Amino acid sequence: MKAKELRELSEDELIKKEIELRQELFNLRFQKETHQLENVMRIRHVRRAIARVKTILNEKRKAS
């Protein structure tokens, strides 16, 4: 998800998105350890998406 799309979401939606991404990251790590993960780069993309969400959440909290 792009930062522009994330900025359009409310704080509650961003928090839900972060929870979803963290759950996905957990599942990807589990798959990696059991050698079932085909696309290892997906872990990197999810980690960066979590960082984007957290950054935008901090921006919104500072603005209000």
PDB file of N, CA and C in Angstrom:
ATOM      1  N   MET A   1       0.847  -1.174   0.000  1.00  0.00           N
ATOM      2  CA  MET A   1       0.000   0.000   0.000  1.00  0.00           C
ATOM      3  C   MET A   1       0.894   1.238   0.000  1.00  0.00           C
ATOM      4  N   LYS A   2       0.548   2.199  -0.797  1.00  0.00           N
ATOM      5  CA  LYS A   2       1.326   3.426  -0.912  1.00  0.00           C
ATOM      6  C   LYS A   2       1.041   4.355   0.263  1.00  0.00           C
ATOM      7  N   ALA A   3       1.981   5.236   0.562  1.00  0.00           N
ATOM      8  CA  ALA A   3       1.826   6.181   1.660  1.00  0.00           C
ATOM      9  C   ALA A   3       0.651   7.118   1.399  1.00  0.00           C
ATOM     10  N   LYS A   4       0.439   7.478   0.148  1.00  0.00           N
ATOM     11  CA  LYS A   4      -0.672   8.367  -0.195  1.00  0.00           C
ATOM     12  C   LYS A   4      -2.006   7.726   0.173  1.00  0.00           C
ATOM     13  N   GLU A   5      -2.130   6.434  -0.094  1.00  0.00           N
ATOM     14  CA  GLU A   5      -3.369   5.719   0.247  1.00  0.00           C
ATOM     15  C   GLU A   5      -3.538   5.608   1.755  1.00  0.00           C
ATOM     16  N   LEU A   6      -2.432   5.420   2.464  1.00  0.00           N
ATOM     17  CA  LEU A   6      -2.498   5.290   3.918  1.00  0.00           C
ATOM     18  C   LEU A   6      -2.884   6.608   4.585  1.00  0.00           C
ATOM     19  N   ARG A   7      -2.451   7.720   4.015  1.00  0.00           N
ATOM     20  CA  ARG A   7      -2.771   9.026   4.602  1.00  0.00           C
ATOM     21  C   ARG A   7      -4.269   9.331   4.549  1.00  0.00           C
ATOM     22  N   GLU A   8      -4.981   8.684   3.649  1.00  0.00           N
ATOM     23  CA  GLU A   8      -6.418   8.899   3.521  1.00  0.00           C
ATOM     24  C   GLU A   8      -7.217   8.142   4.585  1.00  0.00           C
ATOM     25  N   LEU A   9      -6.579   7.195   5.259  1.00  0.00           N
ATOM     26  CA  LEU A   9      -7.258   6.397   6.275  1.00  0.00           C
ATOM     27  C   LEU A   9      -7.298   7.136   7.616  1.00  0.00           C
ATOM     28  N   SER A  10      -8.270   6.784   8.448  1.00  0.00           N
ATOM     29  CA  SER A  10      -8.358   7.372   9.786  1.00  0.00           C
ATOM     30  C   SER A  10      -7.380   6.650  10.716  1.00  0.00           C
ATOM     31  N   GLU A  11      -7.229   7.184  11.925  1.00  0.00           N
ATOM     32  CA  GLU A  11      -6.308   6.571  12.889  1.00  0.00           C
ATOM     33  C   GLU A  11      -6.734   5.152  13.239  1.00  0.00           C
ATOM     34  N   ASP A  12      -8.031   4.948  13.439  1.00  0.00           N
ATOM     35  CA  ASP A  12      -8.529   3.613  13.776  1.00  0.00           C
ATOM     36  C   ASP A  12      -8.252   2.621  12.658  1.00  0.00           C
ATOM     37  N   GLU A  13      -8.443   3.047  11.420  1.00  0.00           N
ATOM     38  CA  GLU A  13      -8.173   2.176  10.279  1.00  0.00           C
ATOM     39  C   GLU A  13      -6.685   1.857  10.170  1.00  0.00           C
ATOM     40  N   LEU A  14      -5.842   2.844  10.479  1.00  0.00           N
ATOM     41  CA  LEU A  14      -4.397   2.622  10.438  1.00  0.00           C
ATOM     42  C   LEU A  14      -3.964   1.624  11.507  1.00  0.00           C
ATOM     43  N   ILE A  15      -4.571   1.722  12.679  1.00  0.00           N
ATOM     44  CA  ILE A  15      -4.246   0.778  13.753  1.00  0.00           C
ATOM     45  C   ILE A  15      -4.652  -0.631  13.351  1.00  0.00           C
ATOM     46  N   LYS A  16      -5.837  -0.767  12.748  1.00  0.00           N
ATOM     47  CA  LYS A  16      -6.283  -2.077  12.277  1.00  0.00           C
ATOM     48  C   LYS A  16      -5.357  -2.613  11.188  1.00  0.00           C
ATOM     49  N   LYS A  17      -4.916  -1.726  10.311  1.00  0.00           N
ATOM     50  CA  LYS A  17      -4.005  -2.123   9.231  1.00  0.00           C
ATOM     51  C   LYS A  17      -2.679  -2.609   9.804  1.00  0.00           C
ATOM     52  N   GLU A  18      -2.178  -1.923  10.833  1.00  0.00           N
ATOM     53  CA  GLU A  18      -0.923  -2.334  11.455  1.00  0.00           C
ATOM     54  C   GLU A  18      -1.062  -3.719  12.098  1.00  0.00           C
ATOM     55  N   ILE A  19      -2.178  -3.966  12.749  1.00  0.00           N
ATOM     56  CA  ILE A  19      -2.420  -5.279  13.362  1.00  0.00           C
ATOM     57  C   ILE A  19      -2.459  -6.366  12.297  1.00  0.00           C
ATOM     58  N   GLU A  20      -3.144  -6.088  11.189  1.00  0.00           N
ATOM     59  CA  GLU A  20      -3.204  -7.061  10.090  1.00  0.00           C
ATOM     60  C   GLU A  20      -1.809  -7.356   9.526  1.00  0.00           C
ATOM     61  N   LEU A  21      -1.023  -6.304   9.349  1.00  0.00           N
ATOM     62  CA  LEU A  21       0.319  -6.477   8.796  1.00  0.00           C
ATOM     63  C   LEU A  21       1.231  -7.248   9.753  1.00  0.00           C
ATOM     64  N   ARG A  22       1.102  -6.980  11.047  1.00  0.00           N
ATOM     65  CA  ARG A  22       1.903  -7.712  12.021  1.00  0.00           C
ATOM     66  C   ARG A  22       1.538  -9.195  12.035  1.00  0.00           C
ATOM     67  N   GLN A  23       0.241  -9.487  11.891  1.00  0.00           N
ATOM     68  CA  GLN A  23      -0.196 -10.882  11.830  1.00  0.00           C
ATOM     69  C   GLN A  23       0.351 -11.560  10.567  1.00  0.00           C
ATOM     70  N   GLU A  24       0.317 -10.829   9.465  1.00  0.00           N
ATOM     71  CA  GLU A  24       0.857 -11.371   8.223  1.00  0.00           C
ATOM     72  C   GLU A  24       2.359 -11.635   8.352  1.00  0.00           C
ATOM     73  N   LEU A  25       3.072 -10.707   8.990  1.00  0.00           N
ATOM     74  CA  LEU A  25       4.510 -10.882   9.189  1.00  0.00           C
ATOM     75  C   LEU A  25       4.793 -12.118  10.036  1.00  0.00           C
ATOM     76  N   PHE A  26       4.000 -12.308  11.083  1.00  0.00           N
ATOM     77  CA  PHE A  26       4.159 -13.497  11.923  1.00  0.00           C
ATOM     78  C   PHE A  26       3.975 -14.765  11.095  1.00  0.00           C
ATOM     79  N   ASN A  27       2.928 -14.796  10.280  1.00  0.00           N
ATOM     80  CA  ASN A  27       2.656 -15.965   9.443  1.00  0.00           C
ATOM     81  C   ASN A  27       3.778 -16.211   8.437  1.00  0.00           C
ATOM     82  N   LEU A  28       4.299 -15.123   7.862  1.00  0.00           N
ATOM     83  CA  LEU A  28       5.401 -15.271   6.899  1.00  0.00           C
ATOM     84  C   LEU A  28       6.657 -15.826   7.562  1.00  0.00           C
ATOM     85  N   ARG A  29       6.951 -15.342   8.760  1.00  0.00           N
ATOM     86  CA  ARG A  29       8.120 -15.851   9.477  1.00  0.00           C
ATOM     87  C   ARG A  29       7.945 -17.331   9.825  1.00  0.00           C
ATOM     88  N   PHE A  30       6.741 -17.688  10.197  1.00  0.00           N
ATOM     89  CA  PHE A  30       6.454 -19.088  10.503  1.00  0.00           C
ATOM     90  C   PHE A  30       6.639 -19.956   9.266  1.00  0.00           C
ATOM     91  N   GLN A  31       6.129 -19.486   8.141  1.00  0.00           N
ATOM     92  CA  GLN A  31       6.278 -20.225   6.887  1.00  0.00           C
ATOM     93  C   GLN A  31       7.749 -20.341   6.491  1.00  0.00           C
ATOM     94  N   LYS A  32       8.503 -19.288   6.743  1.00  0.00           N
ATOM     95  CA  LYS A  32       9.925 -19.313   6.398  1.00  0.00           C
ATOM     96  C   LYS A  32      10.657 -20.386   7.198  1.00  0.00           C
ATOM     97  N   GLU A  33      10.361 -20.476   8.478  1.00  0.00           N
ATOM     98  CA  GLU A  33      11.042 -21.447   9.324  1.00  0.00           C
ATOM     99  C   GLU A  33      10.643 -22.883   9.009  1.00  0.00           C
ATOM    100  N   THR A  34       9.441 -23.070   8.482  1.00  0.00           N
ATOM    101  CA  THR A  34       9.007 -24.419   8.118  1.00  0.00           C
ATOM    102  C   THR A  34       9.286 -24.709   6.643  1.00  0.00           C
ATOM    103  N   HIS A  35      10.016 -23.815   5.991  1.00  0.00           N
ATOM    104  CA  HIS A  35      10.432 -23.962   4.587  1.00  0.00           C
ATOM    105  C   HIS A  35       9.243 -24.076   3.638  1.00  0.00           C
ATOM    106  N   GLN A  36       8.188 -23.323   3.914  1.00  0.00           N
ATOM    107  CA  GLN A  36       7.025 -23.307   3.043  1.00  0.00           C
ATOM    108  C   GLN A  36       6.890 -21.987   2.296  1.00  0.00           C
ATOM    109  N   LEU A  37       7.715 -21.014   2.632  1.00  0.00           N
ATOM    110  CA  LEU A  37       7.619 -19.685   2.032  1.00  0.00           C
ATOM    111  C   LEU A  37       8.343 -19.676   0.690  1.00  0.00           C
ATOM    112  N   GLU A  38       7.615 -19.286  -0.343  1.00  0.00           N
ATOM    113  CA  GLU A  38       8.210 -19.236  -1.681  1.00  0.00           C
ATOM    114  C   GLU A  38       8.847 -17.884  -1.968  1.00  0.00           C
ATOM    115  N   ASN A  39       8.197 -16.804  -1.564  1.00  0.00           N
ATOM    116  CA  ASN A  39       8.701 -15.464  -1.847  1.00  0.00           C
ATOM    117  C   ASN A  39       9.220 -14.840  -0.546  1.00  0.00           C
ATOM    118  N   VAL A  40      10.517 -14.936  -0.315  1.00  0.00           N
ATOM    119  CA  VAL A  40      11.124 -14.434   0.910  1.00  0.00           C
ATOM    120  C   VAL A  40      11.081 -12.907   0.965  1.00  0.00           C
ATOM    121  N   MET A  41      11.074 -12.268  -0.188  1.00  0.00           N
ATOM    122  CA  MET A  41      11.040 -10.798  -0.243  1.00  0.00           C
ATOM    123  C   MET A  41       9.746 -10.230   0.319  1.00  0.00           C
ATOM    124  N   ARG A  42       8.719 -11.051   0.409  1.00  0.00           N
ATOM    125  CA  ARG A  42       7.436 -10.586   0.958  1.00  0.00           C
ATOM    126  C   ARG A  42       7.610 -10.110   2.404  1.00  0.00           C
ATOM    127  N   ILE A  43       8.515 -10.748   3.141  1.00  0.00           N
ATOM    128  CA  ILE A  43       8.787 -10.334   4.528  1.00  0.00           C
ATOM    129  C   ILE A  43       9.284  -8.897   4.551  1.00  0.00           C
ATOM    130  N   ARG A  44      10.186  -8.584   3.647  1.00  0.00           N
ATOM    131  CA  ARG A  44      10.740  -7.223   3.586  1.00  0.00           C
ATOM    132  C   ARG A  44       9.653  -6.199   3.251  1.00  0.00           C
ATOM    133  N   HIS A  45       8.782  -6.536   2.310  1.00  0.00           N
ATOM    134  CA  HIS A  45       7.711  -5.616   1.920  1.00  0.00           C
ATOM    135  C   HIS A  45       6.741  -5.363   3.074  1.00  0.00           C
ATOM    136  N   VAL A  46       6.420  -6.408   3.820  1.00  0.00           N
ATOM    137  CA  VAL A  46       5.494  -6.259   4.942  1.00  0.00           C
ATOM    138  C   VAL A  46       6.133  -5.428   6.049  1.00  0.00           C
ATOM    139  N   ARG A  47       7.419  -5.662   6.326  1.00  0.00           N
ATOM    140  CA  ARG A  47       8.102  -4.877   7.351  1.00  0.00           C
ATOM    141  C   ARG A  47       8.111  -3.393   6.994  1.00  0.00           C
ATOM    142  N   ARG A  48       8.327  -3.092   5.733  1.00  0.00           N
ATOM    143  CA  ARG A  48       8.340  -1.694   5.297  1.00  0.00           C
ATOM    144  C   ARG A  48       6.937  -1.087   5.335  1.00  0.00           C
ATOM    145  N   ALA A  49       5.937  -1.895   5.045  1.00  0.00           N
ATOM    146  CA  ALA A  49       4.554  -1.410   5.117  1.00  0.00           C
ATOM    147  C   ALA A  49       4.195  -1.074   6.560  1.00  0.00           C
ATOM    148  N   ILE A  50       4.645  -1.892   7.504  1.00  0.00           N
ATOM    149  CA  ILE A  50       4.411  -1.606   8.926  1.00  0.00           C
ATOM    150  C   ILE A  50       5.078  -0.290   9.305  1.00  0.00           C
ATOM    151  N   ALA A  51       6.285  -0.070   8.830  1.00  0.00           N
ATOM    152  CA  ALA A  51       6.999   1.174   9.125  1.00  0.00           C
ATOM    153  C   ALA A  51       6.255   2.376   8.547  1.00  0.00           C
ATOM    154  N   ARG A  52       5.714   2.232   7.340  1.00  0.00           N
ATOM    155  CA  ARG A  52       4.932   3.325   6.737  1.00  0.00           C
ATOM    156  C   ARG A  52       3.710   3.652   7.586  1.00  0.00           C
ATOM    157  N   VAL A  53       3.008   2.616   8.007  1.00  0.00           N
ATOM    158  CA  VAL A  53       1.794   2.822   8.810  1.00  0.00           C
ATOM    159  C   VAL A  53       2.145   3.522  10.117  1.00  0.00           C
ATOM    160  N   LYS A  54       3.210   3.069  10.768  1.00  0.00           N
ATOM    161  CA  LYS A  54       3.604   3.682  12.036  1.00  0.00           C
ATOM    162  C   LYS A  54       4.022   5.140  11.854  1.00  0.00           C
ATOM    163  N   THR A  55       4.709   5.435  10.765  1.00  0.00           N
ATOM    164  CA  THR A  55       5.133   6.804  10.483  1.00  0.00           C
ATOM    165  C   THR A  55       3.927   7.719  10.286  1.00  0.00           C
ATOM    166  N   ILE A  56       2.972   7.255   9.515  1.00  0.00           N
ATOM    167  CA  ILE A  56       1.790   8.072   9.244  1.00  0.00           C
ATOM    168  C   ILE A  56       0.941   8.230  10.499  1.00  0.00           C
ATOM    169  N   LEU A  57       0.871   7.192  11.330  1.00  0.00           N
ATOM    170  CA  LEU A  57       0.160   7.297  12.600  1.00  0.00           C
ATOM    171  C   LEU A  57       0.797   8.366  13.480  1.00  0.00           C
ATOM    172  N   ASN A  58       2.118   8.376  13.552  1.00  0.00           N
ATOM    173  CA  ASN A  58       2.817   9.399  14.346  1.00  0.00           C
ATOM    174  C   ASN A  58       2.575  10.792  13.782  1.00  0.00           C
ATOM    175  N   GLU A  59       2.569  10.937  12.458  1.00  0.00           N
ATOM    176  CA  GLU A  59       2.297  12.238  11.849  1.00  0.00           C
ATOM    177  C   GLU A  59       0.903  12.723  12.216  1.00  0.00           C
ATOM    178  N   LYS A  60      -0.067  11.834  12.158  1.00  0.00           N
ATOM    179  CA  LYS A  60      -1.456  12.215  12.476  1.00  0.00           C
ATOM    180  C   LYS A  60      -1.598  12.575  13.950  1.00  0.00           C
ATOM    181  N   ARG A  61      -0.936  11.844  14.799  1.00  0.00           N
ATOM    182  CA  ARG A  61      -1.031  12.119  16.245  1.00  0.00           C
ATOM    183  C   ARG A  61      -0.372  13.450  16.600  1.00  0.00           C
ATOM    184  N   LYS A  62       0.719  13.776  15.937  1.00  0.00           N
ATOM    185  CA  LYS A  62       1.383  15.057  16.201  1.00  0.00           C
ATOM    186  C   LYS A  62       0.572  16.229  15.663  1.00  0.00           C
ATOM    187  N   ALA A  63      -0.130  15.998  14.561  1.00  0.00           N
ATOM    188  CA  ALA A  63      -0.924  17.072  13.965  1.00  0.00           C
ATOM    189  C   ALA A  63      -2.161  17.410  14.790  1.00  0.00           C
ATOM    190  N   SER A  64      -2.671  16.411  15.522  1.00  0.00           N
ATOM    191  CA  SER A  64      -3.896  16.686  16.303  1.00  0.00           C
ATOM    192  C   SER A  64      -3.610  16.981  17.742  1.00  0.00           C
TER     193      SER A  64
END
